[in-house]
Amino acid sequence: MNVFIKACNHSLKLPKKKDTFALNRIGMDITVIYLFIILAIASIPALVDQITMAEYGVQIQLFFKLIYFFIFYYLVLLVLVFTGLSLFAYIMTITARILDRKLTYAIMWKMSAFAITIPVFVFTILSFFYPLTFLFVLIALIYMTFVMIKIIMIYPKRRK
């Protein structure tokens, strides 16, 4: 659990050079599990809404609500985030090539996964109070792009 707390602390300090290199040393397996954890945390407001939602004449047990939530919300959220993150990392890999930096897709994917930490935590807090729209996703994407470009610029240029 200690490695996840360290990853979270480093993620909150991105795009600092020391934290970027510390996160780069973390394995991909830890990165994926880290994403599962922060997306589970981000799902808490929706889970609370699901549990407290008034049913229309039908009483559903908590166990079935949890199963329904897991299948139709959390798994869908995971697929959407992993797909979006993969596309974003691909675009950032192209950006790194344009900026003449020697960075692979795997590094860009990992850094993108950690750069999503602050937007996910902000989403979690705000979604308790407001229904969030596509505008939030757009702002988060702009923030992540800014952070990723700063991270790309930390790495040295390719040798010719």
N, C-alpha and C. Protein backbone atom coordinates (compact mmCIF):
# COMPACT_ATOMS: atom_id res chain seq x y z
N MET A 1 0.82 -1.20 0.00
CA MET A 1 0.00 0.00 0.00
C MET A 1 0.87 1.26 0.00
N ASN A 2 2.05 1.12 0.57
CA ASN A 2 2.96 2.25 0.65
C ASN A 2 3.33 2.78 -0.74
N VAL A 3 3.50 1.89 -1.71
CA VAL A 3 3.87 2.32 -3.06
C VAL A 3 2.75 3.14 -3.71
N PHE A 4 1.51 2.83 -3.38
CA PHE A 4 0.39 3.57 -3.94
C PHE A 4 0.30 4.97 -3.34
N ILE A 5 0.59 5.08 -2.06
CA ILE A 5 0.60 6.40 -1.42
C ILE A 5 1.73 7.25 -1.98
N LYS A 6 2.90 6.64 -2.18
CA LYS A 6 4.02 7.37 -2.79
C LYS A 6 3.67 7.80 -4.21
N ALA A 7 3.04 6.90 -4.97
CA ALA A 7 2.65 7.24 -6.34
C ALA A 7 1.66 8.39 -6.34
N CYS A 8 0.73 8.38 -5.41
CA CYS A 8 -0.25 9.46 -5.32
C CYS A 8 0.44 10.78 -4.96
N ASN A 9 1.35 10.75 -4.01
CA ASN A 9 2.08 11.97 -3.62
C ASN A 9 2.89 12.52 -4.79
N HIS A 10 3.58 11.65 -5.51
CA HIS A 10 4.36 12.10 -6.67
C HIS A 10 3.42 12.63 -7.76
N SER A 11 2.28 11.99 -7.94
CA SER A 11 1.33 12.41 -8.98
C SER A 11 0.78 13.80 -8.71
N LEU A 12 0.58 14.10 -7.45
CA LEU A 12 0.06 15.42 -7.09
C LEU A 12 1.09 16.52 -7.32
N LYS A 13 2.37 16.15 -7.42
CA LYS A 13 3.43 17.14 -7.62
C LYS A 13 3.88 17.26 -9.07
N LEU A 14 3.26 16.50 -9.96
CA LEU A 14 3.64 16.61 -11.38
C LEU A 14 3.40 18.02 -11.87
N PRO A 15 4.19 18.56 -12.74
CA PRO A 15 5.25 17.99 -13.57
C PRO A 15 6.67 18.27 -13.06
N LYS A 16 6.90 18.23 -11.77
CA LYS A 16 8.26 18.44 -11.27
C LYS A 16 9.16 17.29 -11.73
N LYS A 17 10.42 17.64 -12.02
CA LYS A 17 11.36 16.69 -12.59
C LYS A 17 11.59 15.48 -11.68
N LYS A 18 11.83 15.73 -10.41
CA LYS A 18 12.10 14.64 -9.46
C LYS A 18 10.92 13.67 -9.39
N ASP A 19 9.71 14.21 -9.35
CA ASP A 19 8.53 13.37 -9.24
C ASP A 19 8.25 12.62 -10.55
N THR A 20 8.53 13.26 -11.66
CA THR A 20 8.35 12.61 -12.96
C THR A 20 9.25 11.38 -13.06
N PHE A 21 10.52 11.53 -12.69
CA PHE A 21 11.44 10.40 -12.77
C PHE A 21 11.11 9.33 -11.74
N ALA A 22 10.62 9.73 -10.57
CA ALA A 22 10.21 8.74 -9.56
C ALA A 22 9.03 7.92 -10.07
N LEU A 23 8.07 8.56 -10.71
CA LEU A 23 6.92 7.84 -11.26
C LEU A 23 7.32 6.96 -12.43
N ASN A 24 8.32 7.39 -13.18
CA ASN A 24 8.78 6.61 -14.32
C ASN A 24 9.38 5.28 -13.88
N ARG A 25 9.91 5.23 -12.65
CA ARG A 25 10.51 3.99 -12.14
C ARG A 25 9.46 3.02 -11.61
N ILE A 26 8.23 3.46 -11.47
CA ILE A 26 7.17 2.58 -10.98
C ILE A 26 6.74 1.66 -12.12
N GLY A 27 6.51 0.41 -11.81
CA GLY A 27 6.13 -0.57 -12.83
C GLY A 27 4.73 -0.33 -13.38
N MET A 28 4.50 -0.88 -14.56
CA MET A 28 3.21 -0.71 -15.22
C MET A 28 2.10 -1.41 -14.44
N ASP A 29 2.41 -2.52 -13.78
CA ASP A 29 1.39 -3.23 -13.00
C ASP A 29 0.89 -2.36 -11.85
N ILE A 30 1.79 -1.67 -11.18
CA ILE A 30 1.41 -0.77 -10.09
C ILE A 30 0.59 0.40 -10.65
N THR A 31 0.96 0.87 -11.82
CA THR A 31 0.24 1.98 -12.45
C THR A 31 -1.21 1.60 -12.74
N VAL A 32 -1.41 0.41 -13.28
CA VAL A 32 -2.77 -0.04 -13.60
C VAL A 32 -3.59 -0.23 -12.33
N ILE A 33 -3.01 -0.83 -11.31
CA ILE A 33 -3.73 -1.00 -10.05
C ILE A 33 -4.03 0.36 -9.43
N TYR A 34 -3.10 1.29 -9.54
CA TYR A 34 -3.30 2.66 -9.05
C TYR A 34 -4.51 3.29 -9.74
N LEU A 35 -4.62 3.10 -11.05
CA LEU A 35 -5.78 3.62 -11.78
C LEU A 35 -7.08 2.99 -11.30
N PHE A 36 -7.07 1.68 -11.08
CA PHE A 36 -8.25 1.00 -10.55
C PHE A 36 -8.68 1.64 -9.22
N ILE A 37 -7.70 1.93 -8.37
CA ILE A 37 -8.01 2.48 -7.05
C ILE A 37 -8.57 3.90 -7.16
N ILE A 38 -7.91 4.78 -7.93
CA ILE A 38 -8.41 6.16 -7.98
C ILE A 38 -9.75 6.23 -8.72
N LEU A 39 -9.99 5.34 -9.67
CA LEU A 39 -11.30 5.33 -10.32
C LEU A 39 -12.37 4.77 -9.40
N ALA A 40 -11.99 3.86 -8.51
CA ALA A 40 -12.95 3.39 -7.50
C ALA A 40 -13.30 4.53 -6.55
N ILE A 41 -12.31 5.32 -6.18
CA ILE A 41 -12.57 6.49 -5.34
C ILE A 41 -13.46 7.49 -6.07
N ALA A 42 -13.20 7.69 -7.36
CA ALA A 42 -14.01 8.62 -8.15
C ALA A 42 -15.44 8.13 -8.32
N SER A 43 -15.66 6.85 -8.15
CA SER A 43 -17.00 6.28 -8.30
C SER A 43 -17.86 6.41 -7.04
N ILE A 44 -17.25 6.80 -5.95
CA ILE A 44 -17.98 6.87 -4.68
C ILE A 44 -19.22 7.77 -4.75
N PRO A 45 -19.14 8.99 -5.33
CA PRO A 45 -20.35 9.82 -5.39
C PRO A 45 -21.49 9.15 -6.16
N ALA A 46 -21.18 8.49 -7.25
CA ALA A 46 -22.22 7.80 -8.03
C ALA A 46 -22.77 6.61 -7.25
N LEU A 47 -21.92 5.93 -6.50
CA LEU A 47 -22.38 4.81 -5.68
C LEU A 47 -23.32 5.30 -4.58
N VAL A 48 -22.97 6.41 -3.96
CA VAL A 48 -23.84 6.99 -2.93
C VAL A 48 -25.19 7.36 -3.53
N ASP A 49 -25.18 7.98 -4.72
CA ASP A 49 -26.44 8.31 -5.40
C ASP A 49 -27.24 7.06 -5.70
N GLN A 50 -26.58 6.02 -6.15
CA GLN A 50 -27.25 4.76 -6.49
C GLN A 50 -27.89 4.13 -5.26
N ILE A 51 -27.19 4.15 -4.16
CA ILE A 51 -27.70 3.52 -2.94
C ILE A 51 -28.85 4.33 -2.34
N THR A 52 -28.73 5.65 -2.36
CA THR A 52 -29.76 6.49 -1.73
C THR A 52 -30.91 6.82 -2.66
N MET A 53 -30.82 6.44 -3.92
CA MET A 53 -31.87 6.76 -4.89
C MET A 53 -33.17 6.05 -4.51
N ALA A 54 -34.25 6.81 -4.56
CA ALA A 54 -35.56 6.24 -4.24
C ALA A 54 -36.04 5.39 -5.42
N GLU A 55 -36.45 4.17 -5.12
CA GLU A 55 -36.96 3.28 -6.16
C GLU A 55 -38.43 3.60 -6.42
N TYR A 56 -38.88 3.23 -7.58
CA TYR A 56 -40.27 3.44 -7.97
C TYR A 56 -41.09 2.20 -7.64
N GLY A 57 -41.40 2.03 -6.37
CA GLY A 57 -42.26 0.93 -5.95
C GLY A 57 -41.57 -0.41 -5.80
N VAL A 58 -40.30 -0.51 -6.17
CA VAL A 58 -39.60 -1.79 -6.08
C VAL A 58 -38.43 -1.61 -5.11
N GLN A 59 -38.37 -2.47 -4.14
CA GLN A 59 -37.28 -2.43 -3.16
C GLN A 59 -36.17 -3.37 -3.63
N ILE A 60 -34.99 -2.84 -3.86
CA ILE A 60 -33.85 -3.63 -4.31
C ILE A 60 -32.86 -3.73 -3.15
N GLN A 61 -32.38 -4.93 -2.92
CA GLN A 61 -31.42 -5.13 -1.83
C GLN A 61 -30.10 -4.46 -2.17
N LEU A 62 -29.39 -4.07 -1.12
CA LEU A 62 -28.12 -3.39 -1.27
C LEU A 62 -27.13 -4.22 -2.08
N PHE A 63 -27.09 -5.51 -1.88
CA PHE A 63 -26.18 -6.39 -2.60
C PHE A 63 -26.39 -6.27 -4.11
N PHE A 64 -27.64 -6.27 -4.54
CA PHE A 64 -27.93 -6.18 -5.98
C PHE A 64 -27.63 -4.79 -6.52
N LYS A 65 -27.82 -3.78 -5.70
CA LYS A 65 -27.45 -2.42 -6.11
C LYS A 65 -25.95 -2.33 -6.35
N LEU A 66 -25.17 -2.97 -5.47
CA LEU A 66 -23.72 -2.96 -5.63
C LEU A 66 -23.28 -3.71 -6.88
N ILE A 67 -23.89 -4.84 -7.14
CA ILE A 67 -23.57 -5.59 -8.36
C ILE A 67 -23.94 -4.78 -9.60
N TYR A 68 -25.12 -4.20 -9.59
CA TYR A 68 -25.57 -3.37 -10.71
C TYR A 68 -24.60 -2.21 -10.92
N PHE A 69 -24.21 -1.56 -9.84
CA PHE A 69 -23.29 -0.44 -9.92
C PHE A 69 -21.95 -0.88 -10.51
N PHE A 70 -21.44 -2.00 -10.03
CA PHE A 70 -20.14 -2.48 -10.50
C PHE A 70 -20.18 -2.79 -12.00
N ILE A 71 -21.23 -3.47 -12.44
CA ILE A 71 -21.31 -3.88 -13.85
C ILE A 71 -21.60 -2.70 -14.77
N PHE A 72 -22.55 -1.86 -14.40
CA PHE A 72 -23.02 -0.83 -15.32
C PHE A 72 -22.41 0.55 -15.09
N TYR A 73 -21.64 0.73 -14.06
CA TYR A 73 -20.99 2.03 -13.88
C TYR A 73 -19.47 1.87 -13.82
N TYR A 74 -18.98 1.12 -12.83
CA TYR A 74 -17.54 1.05 -12.62
C TYR A 74 -16.82 0.41 -13.80
N LEU A 75 -17.30 -0.71 -14.31
CA LEU A 75 -16.63 -1.36 -15.44
C LEU A 75 -16.68 -0.50 -16.70
N VAL A 76 -17.81 0.16 -16.92
CA VAL A 76 -17.93 1.06 -18.08
C VAL A 76 -16.97 2.23 -17.91
N LEU A 77 -16.89 2.77 -16.70
CA LEU A 77 -15.95 3.86 -16.42
C LEU A 77 -14.51 3.42 -16.69
N LEU A 78 -14.15 2.23 -16.25
CA LEU A 78 -12.80 1.72 -16.49
C LEU A 78 -12.49 1.62 -17.98
N VAL A 79 -13.42 1.06 -18.74
CA VAL A 79 -13.20 0.91 -20.18
C VAL A 79 -13.04 2.28 -20.84
N LEU A 80 -13.91 3.22 -20.49
CA LEU A 80 -13.84 4.56 -21.09
C LEU A 80 -12.54 5.27 -20.71
N VAL A 81 -12.15 5.21 -19.46
CA VAL A 81 -10.93 5.89 -19.02
C VAL A 81 -9.69 5.25 -19.64
N PHE A 82 -9.61 3.93 -19.65
CA PHE A 82 -8.45 3.27 -20.23
C PHE A 82 -8.36 3.53 -21.73
N THR A 83 -9.48 3.54 -22.41
CA THR A 83 -9.48 3.83 -23.85
C THR A 83 -9.07 5.27 -24.10
N GLY A 84 -9.66 6.20 -23.36
CA GLY A 84 -9.31 7.61 -23.51
C GLY A 84 -7.86 7.88 -23.16
N LEU A 85 -7.38 7.23 -22.11
CA LEU A 85 -6.00 7.40 -21.69
C LEU A 85 -5.04 6.86 -22.74
N SER A 86 -5.39 5.75 -23.36
CA SER A 86 -4.55 5.17 -24.41
C SER A 86 -4.47 6.08 -25.62
N LEU A 87 -5.60 6.64 -26.01
CA LEU A 87 -5.62 7.58 -27.13
C LEU A 87 -4.83 8.84 -26.80
N PHE A 88 -5.01 9.34 -25.60
CA PHE A 88 -4.29 10.53 -25.15
C PHE A 88 -2.78 10.27 -25.14
N ALA A 89 -2.36 9.11 -24.65
CA ALA A 89 -0.94 8.77 -24.61
C ALA A 89 -0.37 8.65 -26.02
N TYR A 90 -1.16 8.13 -26.95
CA TYR A 90 -0.71 8.04 -28.34
C TYR A 90 -0.47 9.44 -28.92
N ILE A 91 -1.40 10.34 -28.66
CA ILE A 91 -1.25 11.72 -29.14
C ILE A 91 -0.03 12.38 -28.49
N MET A 92 0.19 12.11 -27.21
CA MET A 92 1.36 12.68 -26.53
C MET A 92 2.66 12.07 -27.04
N THR A 93 2.63 10.81 -27.47
CA THR A 93 3.82 10.19 -28.07
C THR A 93 4.17 10.89 -29.38
N ILE A 94 3.16 11.20 -30.17
CA ILE A 94 3.38 11.95 -31.41
C ILE A 94 3.93 13.34 -31.08
N THR A 95 3.37 13.97 -30.05
CA THR A 95 3.85 15.29 -29.63
C THR A 95 5.32 15.21 -29.20
N ALA A 96 5.69 14.15 -28.49
CA ALA A 96 7.09 13.98 -28.07
C ALA A 96 8.01 13.83 -29.27
N ARG A 97 7.54 13.12 -30.29
CA ARG A 97 8.35 12.99 -31.52
C ARG A 97 8.51 14.33 -32.21
N ILE A 98 7.43 15.11 -32.26
CA ILE A 98 7.50 16.43 -32.88
C ILE A 98 8.48 17.32 -32.13
N LEU A 99 8.49 17.20 -30.80
CA LEU A 99 9.40 17.99 -29.97
C LEU A 99 10.79 17.36 -29.89
N ASP A 100 11.01 16.30 -30.67
CA ASP A 100 12.30 15.62 -30.78
C ASP A 100 12.78 15.03 -29.45
N ARG A 101 11.85 14.44 -28.71
CA ARG A 101 12.18 13.78 -27.44
C ARG A 101 12.09 12.27 -27.63
N LYS A 102 12.96 11.55 -26.96
CA LYS A 102 12.99 10.10 -27.09
C LYS A 102 12.12 9.49 -25.99
N LEU A 103 10.84 9.41 -26.24
CA LEU A 103 9.89 8.86 -25.27
C LEU A 103 9.02 7.83 -25.97
N THR A 104 8.80 6.73 -25.30
CA THR A 104 8.00 5.66 -25.88
C THR A 104 6.54 5.81 -25.46
N TYR A 105 5.70 5.06 -26.15
CA TYR A 105 4.27 5.05 -25.84
C TYR A 105 4.03 4.58 -24.40
N ALA A 106 4.78 3.58 -23.95
CA ALA A 106 4.60 3.05 -22.59
C ALA A 106 4.88 4.11 -21.54
N ILE A 107 5.91 4.90 -21.74
CA ILE A 107 6.22 5.98 -20.79
C ILE A 107 5.12 7.04 -20.82
N MET A 108 4.66 7.37 -22.01
CA MET A 108 3.59 8.37 -22.13
C MET A 108 2.29 7.88 -21.50
N TRP A 109 2.00 6.58 -21.65
CA TRP A 109 0.78 6.03 -21.06
C TRP A 109 0.87 6.10 -19.54
N LYS A 110 2.03 5.71 -19.02
CA LYS A 110 2.22 5.71 -17.57
C LYS A 110 2.14 7.13 -17.01
N MET A 111 2.79 8.08 -17.66
CA MET A 111 2.75 9.46 -17.18
C MET A 111 1.34 10.05 -17.30
N SER A 112 0.63 9.68 -18.36
CA SER A 112 -0.76 10.14 -18.51
C SER A 112 -1.64 9.58 -17.40
N ALA A 113 -1.39 8.33 -17.04
CA ALA A 113 -2.17 7.71 -15.97
C ALA A 113 -1.94 8.43 -14.64
N PHE A 114 -0.73 8.87 -14.41
CA PHE A 114 -0.47 9.60 -13.17
C PHE A 114 -0.92 11.06 -13.26
N ALA A 115 -0.89 11.63 -14.46
CA ALA A 115 -1.33 13.02 -14.63
C ALA A 115 -2.84 13.17 -14.44
N ILE A 116 -3.56 12.08 -14.50
CA ILE A 116 -5.02 12.13 -14.36
C ILE A 116 -5.45 12.23 -12.89
N THR A 117 -4.50 12.11 -11.96
CA THR A 117 -4.82 12.06 -10.53
C THR A 117 -5.57 13.30 -10.05
N ILE A 118 -5.04 14.48 -10.30
CA ILE A 118 -5.70 15.70 -9.81
C ILE A 118 -7.08 15.88 -10.44
N PRO A 119 -7.25 15.73 -11.77
CA PRO A 119 -8.61 15.84 -12.31
C PRO A 119 -9.59 14.83 -11.71
N VAL A 120 -9.13 13.62 -11.42
CA VAL A 120 -10.03 12.61 -10.84
C VAL A 120 -10.43 13.00 -9.42
N PHE A 121 -9.48 13.49 -8.64
CA PHE A 121 -9.82 13.90 -7.27
C PHE A 121 -10.74 15.12 -7.27
N VAL A 122 -10.50 16.06 -8.15
CA VAL A 122 -11.40 17.23 -8.26
C VAL A 122 -12.78 16.77 -8.70
N PHE A 123 -12.84 15.86 -9.65
CA PHE A 123 -14.12 15.31 -10.10
C PHE A 123 -14.87 14.66 -8.93
N THR A 124 -14.15 13.89 -8.14
CA THR A 124 -14.78 13.19 -7.01
C THR A 124 -15.39 14.17 -6.02
N ILE A 125 -14.65 15.20 -5.67
CA ILE A 125 -15.14 16.18 -4.70
C ILE A 125 -16.31 16.97 -5.28
N LEU A 126 -16.16 17.47 -6.51
CA LEU A 126 -17.22 18.29 -7.10
C LEU A 126 -18.49 17.51 -7.38
N SER A 127 -18.36 16.24 -7.73
CA SER A 127 -19.56 15.48 -8.10
C SER A 127 -20.45 15.17 -6.90
N PHE A 128 -19.95 15.37 -5.68
CA PHE A 128 -20.82 15.27 -4.51
C PHE A 128 -21.81 16.44 -4.46
N PHE A 129 -21.42 17.57 -5.06
CA PHE A 129 -22.21 18.79 -4.95
C PHE A 129 -22.89 19.22 -6.24
N TYR A 130 -22.28 18.93 -7.39
CA TYR A 130 -22.79 19.39 -8.68
C TYR A 130 -22.79 18.24 -9.68
N PRO A 131 -23.78 18.23 -10.56
CA PRO A 131 -23.69 17.29 -11.69
C PRO A 131 -22.69 17.86 -12.70
N LEU A 132 -21.65 17.10 -13.00
CA LEU A 132 -20.60 17.60 -13.88
C LEU A 132 -20.92 17.29 -15.34
N THR A 133 -20.54 18.21 -16.19
CA THR A 133 -20.84 18.10 -17.61
C THR A 133 -19.56 17.83 -18.40
N PHE A 134 -19.72 17.85 -19.72
CA PHE A 134 -18.59 17.65 -20.62
C PHE A 134 -17.55 18.75 -20.45
N LEU A 135 -17.98 19.92 -19.99
CA LEU A 135 -17.05 21.03 -19.79
C LEU A 135 -15.94 20.64 -18.80
N PHE A 136 -16.29 19.89 -17.77
CA PHE A 136 -15.28 19.45 -16.81
C PHE A 136 -14.27 18.53 -17.50
N VAL A 137 -14.74 17.64 -18.34
CA VAL A 137 -13.84 16.73 -19.07
C VAL A 137 -12.90 17.53 -19.96
N LEU A 138 -13.42 18.56 -20.60
CA LEU A 138 -12.60 19.40 -21.46
C LEU A 138 -11.53 20.14 -20.66
N ILE A 139 -11.91 20.69 -19.52
CA ILE A 139 -10.95 21.38 -18.66
C ILE A 139 -9.88 20.40 -18.16
N ALA A 140 -10.30 19.20 -17.77
CA ALA A 140 -9.35 18.18 -17.32
C ALA A 140 -8.39 17.79 -18.43
N LEU A 141 -8.89 17.69 -19.65
CA LEU A 141 -8.06 17.35 -20.79
C LEU A 141 -7.03 18.44 -21.08
N ILE A 142 -7.44 19.69 -20.97
CA ILE A 142 -6.52 20.81 -21.17
C ILE A 142 -5.44 20.78 -20.08
N TYR A 143 -5.85 20.55 -18.85
CA TYR A 143 -4.89 20.46 -17.74
C TYR A 143 -3.89 19.33 -17.99
N MET A 144 -4.39 18.16 -18.36
CA MET A 144 -3.51 17.01 -18.60
C MET A 144 -2.55 17.27 -19.76
N THR A 145 -3.03 17.93 -20.80
CA THR A 145 -2.17 18.26 -21.94
C THR A 145 -1.04 19.18 -21.49
N PHE A 146 -1.38 20.19 -20.70
CA PHE A 146 -0.36 21.10 -20.18
C PHE A 146 0.68 20.35 -19.36
N VAL A 147 0.23 19.50 -18.45
CA VAL A 147 1.14 18.73 -17.60
C VAL A 147 2.01 17.81 -18.45
N MET A 148 1.41 17.13 -19.42
CA MET A 148 2.17 16.19 -20.24
C MET A 148 3.22 16.89 -21.10
N ILE A 149 2.90 18.05 -21.62
CA ILE A 149 3.89 18.79 -22.42
C ILE A 149 5.05 19.23 -21.52
N LYS A 150 4.74 19.66 -20.30
CA LYS A 150 5.81 20.01 -19.36
C LYS A 150 6.67 18.78 -19.05
N ILE A 151 6.04 17.62 -18.90
CA ILE A 151 6.78 16.37 -18.64
C ILE A 151 7.66 16.02 -19.84
N ILE A 152 7.11 16.13 -21.03
CA ILE A 152 7.88 15.84 -22.25
C ILE A 152 9.12 16.73 -22.33
N MET A 153 8.96 17.99 -21.97
CA MET A 153 10.08 18.93 -22.06
C MET A 153 11.17 18.65 -21.02
N ILE A 154 10.84 17.90 -19.98
CA ILE A 154 11.85 17.53 -18.97
C ILE A 154 12.88 16.58 -19.57
N TYR A 155 12.43 15.69 -20.43
CA TYR A 155 13.32 14.68 -21.01
C TYR A 155 14.22 15.32 -22.07
N PRO A 156 15.46 14.83 -22.18
CA PRO A 156 16.39 15.43 -23.15
C PRO A 156 16.01 15.11 -24.59
N LYS A 157 16.53 15.94 -25.49
CA LYS A 157 16.28 15.72 -26.92
C LYS A 157 17.04 14.48 -27.38
N ARG A 158 16.58 13.95 -28.52
CA ARG A 158 17.26 12.79 -29.11
C ARG A 158 18.64 13.19 -29.61
N ARG A 159 19.54 12.23 -29.54
CA ARG A 159 20.88 12.46 -30.11
C ARG A 159 20.82 12.18 -31.59
N LYS A 160 21.52 12.99 -32.34
CA LYS A 160 21.49 12.81 -33.80
C LYS A 160 22.76 12.19 -34.30
